[in-house]
């Protein structure tokens, strides 16, 4: 992710990290786990117990 586009400042790169991590773990399909995002493998990821 850090090299997908050039960043002028380290602070800009760091600011984009949380959004990229959310996409990677919650939306991007991973072939190693049957095309599901990693978050789908973790029960109660949001911390909501109902």
C-alpha atoms as a PDB file:
ATOM      1  CA  UNK A   1       0.000   0.000   0.000  1.00  0.00           C
ATOM      2  CA  UNK A   2       2.761   2.447   0.860  1.00  0.00           C
ATOM      3  CA  UNK A   3       4.311   2.143  -2.594  1.00  0.00           C
ATOM      4  CA  UNK A   4       1.107   2.099  -4.646  1.00  0.00           C
ATOM      5  CA  UNK A   5       1.370   5.851  -5.018  1.00  0.00           C
ATOM      6  CA  UNK A   6       4.065   8.378  -4.158  1.00  0.00           C
ATOM      7  CA  UNK A   7       3.668  10.308  -0.923  1.00  0.00           C
ATOM      8  CA  UNK A   8       5.223  13.715  -0.456  1.00  0.00           C
ATOM      9  CA  UNK A   9       5.307  13.428   3.323  1.00  0.00           C
ATOM     10  CA  UNK A  10       5.507  10.612   5.848  1.00  0.00           C
ATOM     11  CA  UNK A  11       2.561  12.135   7.714  1.00  0.00           C
ATOM     12  CA  UNK A  12       0.397  11.777   4.588  1.00  0.00           C
ATOM     13  CA  UNK A  13       1.352   8.129   4.206  1.00  0.00           C
ATOM     14  CA  UNK A  14       0.614   7.481   7.867  1.00  0.00           C
ATOM     15  CA  UNK A  15      -2.759   9.226   7.603  1.00  0.00           C
ATOM     16  CA  UNK A  16      -3.807   6.871   4.781  1.00  0.00           C
ATOM     17  CA  UNK A  17      -2.802   3.718   6.645  1.00  0.00           C
ATOM     18  CA  UNK A  18      -5.931   3.274   8.786  1.00  0.00           C
ATOM     19  CA  UNK A  19      -8.258   3.509   5.775  1.00  0.00           C
ATOM     20  CA  UNK A  20      -6.159   1.025   3.829  1.00  0.00           C
ATOM     21  CA  UNK A  21      -6.057  -1.409   6.758  1.00  0.00           C
ATOM     22  CA  UNK A  22      -9.837  -1.231   7.103  1.00  0.00           C
ATOM     23  CA  UNK A  23     -10.287  -1.980   3.394  1.00  0.00           C
ATOM     24  CA  UNK A  24      -7.747  -4.814   3.491  1.00  0.00           C
ATOM     25  CA  UNK A  25      -9.263  -6.527   6.524  1.00  0.00           C
ATOM     26  CA  UNK A  26     -12.981  -5.880   5.963  1.00  0.00           C
ATOM     27  CA  UNK A  27     -13.580  -5.617   2.209  1.00  0.00           C
ATOM     28  CA  UNK A  28     -10.737  -7.043   0.124  1.00  0.00           C
ATOM     29  CA  UNK A  29     -11.290 -10.669  -0.839  1.00  0.00           C
ATOM     30  CA  UNK A  30      -8.451 -13.037   0.064  1.00  0.00           C
ATOM     31  CA  UNK A  31      -8.073 -16.191  -2.003  1.00  0.00           C
ATOM     32  CA  UNK A  32      -6.351 -18.054   0.835  1.00  0.00           C
ATOM     33  CA  UNK A  33      -9.568 -18.031   2.874  1.00  0.00           C
ATOM     34  CA  UNK A  34     -12.072 -18.778   0.162  1.00  0.00           C
ATOM     35  CA  UNK A  35     -12.487 -15.269  -1.195  1.00  0.00           C
ATOM     36  CA  UNK A  36     -13.556 -13.783   2.132  1.00  0.00           C
ATOM     37  CA  UNK A  37     -12.027 -10.815   3.921  1.00  0.00           C
ATOM     38  CA  UNK A  38     -10.026 -11.630   7.076  1.00  0.00           C
ATOM     39  CA  UNK A  39     -12.567  -9.899   9.331  1.00  0.00           C
ATOM     40  CA  UNK A  40     -15.164 -12.501   8.355  1.00  0.00           C
ATOM     41  CA  UNK A  41     -13.056 -15.153  10.116  1.00  0.00           C
ATOM     42  CA  UNK A  42     -13.065 -13.412  13.505  1.00  0.00           C
ATOM     43  CA  UNK A  43     -16.195 -13.826  15.637  1.00  0.00           C
ATOM     44  CA  UNK A  44     -17.460 -10.667  17.372  1.00  0.00           C
ATOM     45  CA  UNK A  45     -14.813  -8.471  15.758  1.00  0.00           C
ATOM     46  CA  UNK A  46     -16.707  -5.289  16.562  1.00  0.00           C
ATOM     47  CA  UNK A  47     -16.818  -6.152  20.265  1.00  0.00           C
ATOM     48  CA  UNK A  48     -20.598  -6.119  20.299  1.00  0.00           C
ATOM     49  CA  UNK A  49     -22.001  -8.902  22.441  1.00  0.00           C
ATOM     50  CA  UNK A  50     -25.669  -9.475  21.867  1.00  0.00           C
END
